[in-house]
Amino acid sequence: MHLRYCAYAPTARHGTRSARPARRNDSIENMNQITEKTIDVREILKSKMGGKARYVPSPVVKWLEHILHQDEVNKYLWDSRTLTGVEWLEATVRYLDMTLEVVGRENLPDKDDGRLYTFVSNHPLGGADGVALGAVIGRHYDGRFRYLVNDLLMNLPGLAPLCIPINKTGHQSRNFPAMIEAGFHGDNHILMFPAGICSRRTGGRIHDLAWKKTFITKSVETRRDVVPIHFGGRNSDFFYNLANACKRLGVKFNVAMLFLADEMYKNRHKTFRVAIGKPIPWQTFDRSKTPAAWAQYVQDIVYAL
């Protein structure tokens, strides 16, 4: 079944369909985070580097502000400051002018079946795909889902309430297992990208790197069936060439990640196919394979959708 997904928000131009009132972000703490300069490269550098941030040359800071589209992103965050959660995600889908062609929507488990699920997807775009899938899953389950995401995304106030922040290399590294545990043992569905980073181009093929096994082990532990999703899309040739060049040079820092905001803007006004597969029972992941092999098994299913 082939469906076209459209995200609606409480705006006059969608008068043909009744819409829920926008959810107000009533938390004083969160509202104080939203300013006309919510994303501030200098402040982010300070939070990540501490006192060493002052040694970053001003031209480098200016370049980062440009490549991260700091002014454009801040304008959008300010304009959408009264929205949070699913309403913010749907507004962002409209802002990016994304058309989502959803195939297999009938495979989404019933929201009232009393069970919790793990939704896993490939990660071709590194940003907009997460927003789009969150809009689809969030609307179907009335916002009862959480992302496992890099903690940098916590700088987006509209997205933060839906996130379990993951930063395996920073100050949170010691809390990483506890945060994973809390996420899977919570009362929300989980949406995650098991590759951890967005897809790379290898041998002419754009594909995720090997998926981490965490979603297998934790889904079995918490008896969550796994719902495979394939998101069709790609970034620019520049992005893949940069990522491959850094790999050849042995650069450990994920330089390509700095360009994900730029890639997001390059992917505006496009149509993306989202294919949802049938849920895989958690009992499938038995001891006949290792958790890593089962993760590969699910990844293969995703790319066959």
Protein backbone atom coordinates (compact mmCIF):
# COMPACT_ATOMS: atom_id res chain seq x y z
CA MET A 1 0.00 0.00 0.00
CA HIS A 2 1.44 3.33 -1.06
CA LEU A 3 0.49 6.39 0.96
CA ARG A 4 1.52 10.00 0.91
CA TYR A 5 2.18 11.46 4.36
CA CYS A 6 1.50 15.10 5.08
CA ALA A 7 2.27 16.68 8.44
CA TYR A 8 -0.31 19.16 9.67
CA ALA A 9 0.02 21.93 12.18
CA PRO A 10 -2.48 24.39 13.60
CA THR A 11 -2.10 26.98 10.87
CA ALA A 12 -4.83 28.63 8.82
CA ARG A 13 -3.56 27.33 5.50
CA HIS A 14 -4.50 23.76 6.51
CA GLY A 15 -8.08 24.63 7.19
CA THR A 16 -9.36 21.53 5.40
CA ARG A 17 -8.40 19.39 8.38
CA SER A 18 -9.01 20.05 12.05
CA ALA A 19 -5.76 20.25 13.95
CA ARG A 20 -4.88 19.94 17.59
CA PRO A 21 -3.77 23.09 19.36
CA ALA A 22 -0.01 23.47 19.40
CA ARG A 23 1.48 22.07 22.55
CA ARG A 24 2.91 24.97 24.47
CA ASN A 25 6.33 24.59 25.99
CA ASP A 26 5.27 25.70 29.45
CA SER A 27 8.52 24.80 31.17
CA ILE A 28 10.18 28.03 32.22
CA GLU A 29 13.54 26.33 32.02
CA ASN A 30 13.00 25.23 28.42
CA MET A 31 11.48 28.54 27.34
CA ASN A 32 14.54 30.32 28.68
CA GLN A 33 16.67 28.17 26.40
CA ILE A 34 14.92 29.53 23.31
CA THR A 35 16.33 32.87 22.34
CA GLU A 36 17.04 34.56 19.05
CA LYS A 37 20.46 32.89 19.30
CA THR A 38 19.62 29.48 20.68
CA ILE A 39 22.41 27.87 18.66
CA ASP A 40 25.61 29.68 19.55
CA VAL A 41 28.76 28.10 18.14
CA ARG A 42 30.99 29.90 20.62
CA GLU A 43 28.96 28.63 23.57
CA ILE A 44 28.86 25.09 22.20
CA LEU A 45 32.65 25.14 21.83
CA LYS A 46 32.98 26.31 25.42
CA SER A 47 30.69 23.53 26.66
CA LYS A 48 32.70 20.92 24.78
CA MET A 49 36.22 22.30 25.16
CA GLY A 50 36.11 24.35 28.32
CA GLY A 51 38.87 26.93 28.58
CA LYS A 52 40.55 25.61 25.43
CA ALA A 53 37.73 27.10 23.35
CA ARG A 54 39.36 30.54 23.52
CA TYR A 55 42.20 29.23 21.37
CA VAL A 56 39.88 28.49 18.45
CA PRO A 57 40.64 31.21 15.84
CA SER A 58 37.84 33.64 15.13
CA PRO A 59 37.81 32.78 11.36
CA VAL A 60 37.22 29.13 12.28
CA VAL A 61 34.30 30.12 14.52
CA LYS A 62 32.84 32.25 11.69
CA TRP A 63 33.24 29.34 9.26
CA LEU A 64 31.46 26.99 11.68
CA GLU A 65 28.62 29.48 12.08
CA HIS A 66 28.27 29.58 8.30
CA ILE A 67 28.45 25.83 7.65
CA LEU A 68 26.03 25.14 10.51
CA HIS A 69 23.59 27.74 9.09
CA GLN A 70 23.50 29.29 12.54
CA ASP A 71 21.41 32.33 11.58
CA GLU A 72 18.86 30.33 9.54
CA VAL A 73 18.48 27.65 12.18
CA ASN A 74 18.10 30.22 14.95
CA LYS A 75 15.42 32.08 13.02
CA TYR A 76 13.46 28.85 12.60
CA LEU A 77 13.88 27.90 16.26
CA TRP A 78 12.67 31.33 17.30
CA ASP A 79 9.70 31.27 14.93
CA SER A 80 8.67 27.80 16.18
CA ARG A 81 9.41 28.49 19.85
CA THR A 82 5.84 27.77 21.01
CA LEU A 83 5.99 24.20 19.67
CA THR A 84 7.60 21.14 21.16
CA GLY A 85 7.68 17.39 20.62
CA VAL A 86 5.67 15.96 17.73
CA GLU A 87 4.15 19.33 16.80
CA TRP A 88 7.67 20.73 16.43
CA LEU A 89 8.75 17.77 14.31
CA GLU A 90 5.79 18.17 11.97
CA ALA A 91 6.43 21.89 11.67
CA THR A 92 10.05 21.11 10.78
CA VAL A 93 8.95 18.68 8.06
CA ARG A 94 6.94 21.54 6.57
CA TYR A 95 9.80 24.00 7.00
CA LEU A 96 12.08 21.66 5.05
CA ASP A 97 9.29 21.13 2.52
CA MET A 98 9.73 17.36 2.70
CA THR A 99 7.22 15.09 0.98
CA LEU A 100 7.11 11.68 2.64
CA GLU A 101 5.75 8.76 0.66
CA VAL A 102 5.05 6.16 3.34
CA VAL A 103 4.78 2.52 2.28
CA GLY A 104 3.64 -0.12 4.78
CA ARG A 105 1.99 2.17 7.29
CA GLU A 106 -0.33 -0.75 8.08
CA ASN A 107 2.70 -2.53 9.58
CA LEU A 108 2.85 -0.05 12.45
CA PRO A 109 1.54 -1.90 15.52
CA ASP A 110 -1.67 -0.61 17.02
CA LYS A 111 -1.02 2.19 19.48
CA ASP A 112 -3.42 0.64 21.98
CA ASP A 113 -2.06 -2.90 22.02
CA GLY A 114 -0.36 -2.32 25.37
CA ARG A 115 3.12 -3.20 24.11
CA LEU A 116 6.33 -1.26 23.51
CA TYR A 117 8.46 -1.47 20.36
CA THR A 118 11.92 -0.65 19.07
CA PHE A 119 11.89 1.14 15.71
CA VAL A 120 15.18 0.94 13.80
CA SER A 121 16.13 2.62 10.55
CA ASN A 122 19.02 3.26 8.24
CA HIS A 123 20.40 6.78 8.53
CA PRO A 124 21.04 8.24 5.06
CA LEU A 125 20.69 11.95 5.84
CA GLY A 126 21.91 12.31 9.41
CA GLY A 127 19.26 14.78 10.51
CA ALA A 128 16.18 15.35 8.38
CA ASP A 129 15.49 11.61 8.27
CA GLY A 130 15.31 11.54 12.06
CA VAL A 131 12.92 14.49 12.07
CA ALA A 132 10.70 12.89 9.42
CA LEU A 133 10.53 9.49 11.09
CA GLY A 134 9.87 11.12 14.44
CA ALA A 135 6.93 12.96 12.87
CA VAL A 136 5.47 9.71 11.48
CA ILE A 137 6.06 7.57 14.58
CA GLY A 138 5.21 10.37 16.99
CA ARG A 139 1.86 11.13 15.37
CA HIS A 140 0.87 7.44 15.25
CA TYR A 141 1.73 6.88 18.91
CA ASP A 142 0.59 10.25 20.26
CA GLY A 143 4.14 11.30 21.12
CA ARG A 144 4.93 8.17 23.16
CA PHE A 145 8.41 7.57 21.77
CA ARG A 146 11.95 8.61 22.52
CA TYR A 147 15.05 9.01 20.36
CA LEU A 148 18.49 7.78 21.31
CA VAL A 149 20.53 10.66 19.91
CA ASN A 150 23.85 12.48 20.05
CA ASP A 151 23.66 15.02 22.85
CA LEU A 152 24.34 17.91 20.45
CA LEU A 153 20.71 17.59 19.35
CA MET A 154 19.69 18.54 22.87
CA ASN A 155 20.54 22.09 21.76
CA LEU A 156 17.24 22.01 19.83
CA PRO A 157 14.61 22.85 22.49
CA GLY A 158 11.68 21.60 20.41
CA LEU A 159 13.34 18.20 20.02
CA ALA A 160 14.89 17.85 23.47
CA PRO A 161 11.76 16.51 25.28
CA LEU A 162 11.79 13.48 22.97
CA CYS A 163 15.48 12.68 23.37
CA ILE A 164 17.58 10.42 25.52
CA PRO A 165 20.98 12.09 24.97
CA ILE A 166 23.92 9.85 24.10
CA ASN A 167 27.50 11.09 24.15
CA LYS A 168 29.89 8.16 24.42
CA THR A 169 33.01 10.29 24.15
CA GLY A 170 32.18 13.25 26.40
CA HIS A 171 31.32 13.79 30.04
CA GLN A 172 28.34 11.46 29.79
CA SER A 173 30.44 8.44 28.75
CA ARG A 174 30.26 6.83 32.19
CA ASN A 175 26.46 7.24 32.19
CA PHE A 176 26.00 5.75 28.72
CA PRO A 177 24.89 2.25 29.88
CA ALA A 178 22.52 3.75 32.45
CA MET A 179 20.87 6.03 29.86
CA ILE A 180 20.40 3.12 27.45
CA GLU A 181 18.97 1.07 30.30
CA ALA A 182 16.58 3.85 31.33
CA GLY A 183 15.40 4.33 27.75
CA PHE A 184 14.56 0.69 27.11
CA HIS A 185 13.05 0.14 30.55
CA GLY A 186 10.91 3.26 30.26
CA ASP A 187 7.29 3.39 29.08
CA ASN A 188 7.93 4.84 25.62
CA HIS A 189 8.67 3.32 22.24
CA ILE A 190 12.29 3.71 21.12
CA LEU A 191 13.39 5.09 17.75
CA MET A 192 17.05 4.67 16.93
CA PHE A 193 19.62 4.52 14.16
CA PRO A 194 21.83 1.54 15.06
CA ALA A 195 24.69 2.62 12.79
CA GLY A 196 25.31 5.57 15.11
CA ILE A 197 26.34 7.86 12.25
CA CYS A 198 24.80 8.59 8.88
CA SER A 199 25.43 6.41 5.85
CA ARG A 200 28.71 6.43 3.96
CA ARG A 201 29.56 5.63 0.34
CA THR A 202 31.70 2.53 -0.04
CA GLY A 203 32.50 0.95 -3.38
CA GLY A 204 30.01 3.25 -5.07
CA ARG A 205 27.16 2.16 -2.78
CA ILE A 206 25.57 4.42 -0.17
CA HIS A 207 24.96 2.26 2.88
CA ASP A 208 25.03 2.33 6.67
CA LEU A 209 28.11 1.08 8.44
CA ALA A 210 27.70 -2.04 10.57
CA TRP A 211 24.84 -1.70 13.03
CA LYS A 212 25.57 -1.82 16.72
CA LYS A 213 24.05 -4.77 18.58
CA THR A 214 22.54 -2.73 21.43
CA PHE A 215 19.04 -2.64 19.97
CA ILE A 216 19.05 -6.45 19.75
CA THR A 217 20.22 -7.15 23.29
CA LYS A 218 18.00 -4.50 24.88
CA SER A 219 14.92 -5.40 22.82
CA VAL A 220 15.27 -9.02 23.91
CA GLU A 221 15.86 -7.99 27.51
CA THR A 222 12.73 -5.80 27.56
CA ARG A 223 10.69 -8.02 25.22
CA ARG A 224 10.18 -5.38 22.56
CA ASP A 225 9.47 -6.49 19.00
CA VAL A 226 11.62 -4.68 16.44
CA VAL A 227 10.04 -2.70 13.60
CA PRO A 228 12.39 -2.22 10.61
CA ILE A 229 12.17 0.99 8.59
CA HIS A 230 13.97 2.04 5.43
CA PHE A 231 14.37 5.74 4.66
CA GLY A 232 15.25 6.49 1.04
CA GLY A 233 17.60 9.41 0.48
CA ARG A 234 21.20 10.53 0.17
CA ASN A 235 23.54 13.40 0.89
CA SER A 236 25.75 15.21 -1.61
CA ASP A 237 28.83 13.82 -3.33
CA PHE A 238 30.87 16.39 -1.39
CA PHE A 239 29.72 14.88 1.90
CA TYR A 240 30.71 11.33 0.94
CA ASN A 241 34.01 12.41 -0.61
CA LEU A 242 34.89 14.34 2.54
CA ALA A 243 34.02 11.41 4.82
CA ASN A 244 36.09 9.00 2.72
CA ALA A 245 39.04 11.41 2.54
CA CYS A 246 39.07 11.76 6.33
CA LYS A 247 38.99 7.98 6.67
CA ARG A 248 41.94 7.55 4.31
CA LEU A 249 43.90 10.19 6.22
CA GLY A 250 43.16 8.53 9.53
CA VAL A 251 41.24 11.51 10.93
CA LYS A 252 39.37 10.17 13.97
CA PHE A 253 37.06 13.16 14.46
CA ASN A 254 33.83 12.92 12.47
CA VAL A 255 34.48 16.00 10.31
CA ALA A 256 31.59 15.17 7.99
CA MET A 257 29.18 15.64 10.90
CA LEU A 258 29.90 19.39 10.81
CA PHE A 259 28.28 19.53 7.37
CA LEU A 260 25.02 17.78 8.28
CA ALA A 261 23.12 21.06 8.71
CA ASP A 262 24.34 22.14 5.28
CA GLU A 263 23.24 18.79 3.85
CA MET A 264 19.83 19.27 5.48
CA TYR A 265 19.33 22.52 3.60
CA LYS A 266 20.50 20.92 0.37
CA ASN A 267 17.79 18.29 0.83
CA ARG A 268 14.93 20.78 1.13
CA HIS A 269 11.97 20.51 -1.30
CA LYS A 270 12.54 16.80 -1.98
CA THR A 271 10.44 13.64 -1.84
CA PHE A 272 11.53 10.71 0.31
CA ARG A 273 10.23 7.15 0.39
CA VAL A 274 9.70 5.64 3.84
CA ALA A 275 9.13 1.87 3.92
CA ILE A 276 7.89 0.26 7.13
CA GLY A 277 8.36 -3.49 7.50
CA LYS A 278 6.50 -6.03 9.58
CA PRO A 279 7.48 -6.22 13.26
CA ILE A 280 10.10 -8.86 14.05
CA PRO A 281 9.21 -10.75 17.27
CA TRP A 282 11.87 -10.37 19.95
CA GLN A 283 11.92 -14.16 20.32
CA THR A 284 13.50 -14.31 16.84
CA PHE A 285 16.81 -13.15 18.28
CA ASP A 286 17.80 -16.41 19.92
CA ARG A 287 21.22 -17.91 20.53
CA SER A 288 21.50 -19.39 17.05
CA LYS A 289 23.31 -16.17 16.08
CA THR A 290 25.35 -13.63 18.01
CA PRO A 291 23.65 -10.27 18.76
CA ALA A 292 25.95 -8.65 16.16
CA ALA A 293 24.85 -11.20 13.55
CA TRP A 294 21.20 -10.56 14.39
CA ALA A 295 21.83 -6.82 14.02
CA GLN A 296 23.18 -7.51 10.53
CA TYR A 297 20.12 -9.68 9.85
CA VAL A 298 17.79 -6.78 10.66
CA GLN A 299 19.89 -4.36 8.65
CA ASP A 300 19.58 -6.66 5.63
CA ILE A 301 15.79 -6.69 6.07
CA VAL A 302 15.77 -2.88 6.18
CA TYR A 303 17.66 -2.57 2.91
CA ALA A 304 15.32 -5.08 1.25
CA LEU A 305 12.23 -2.98 2.03
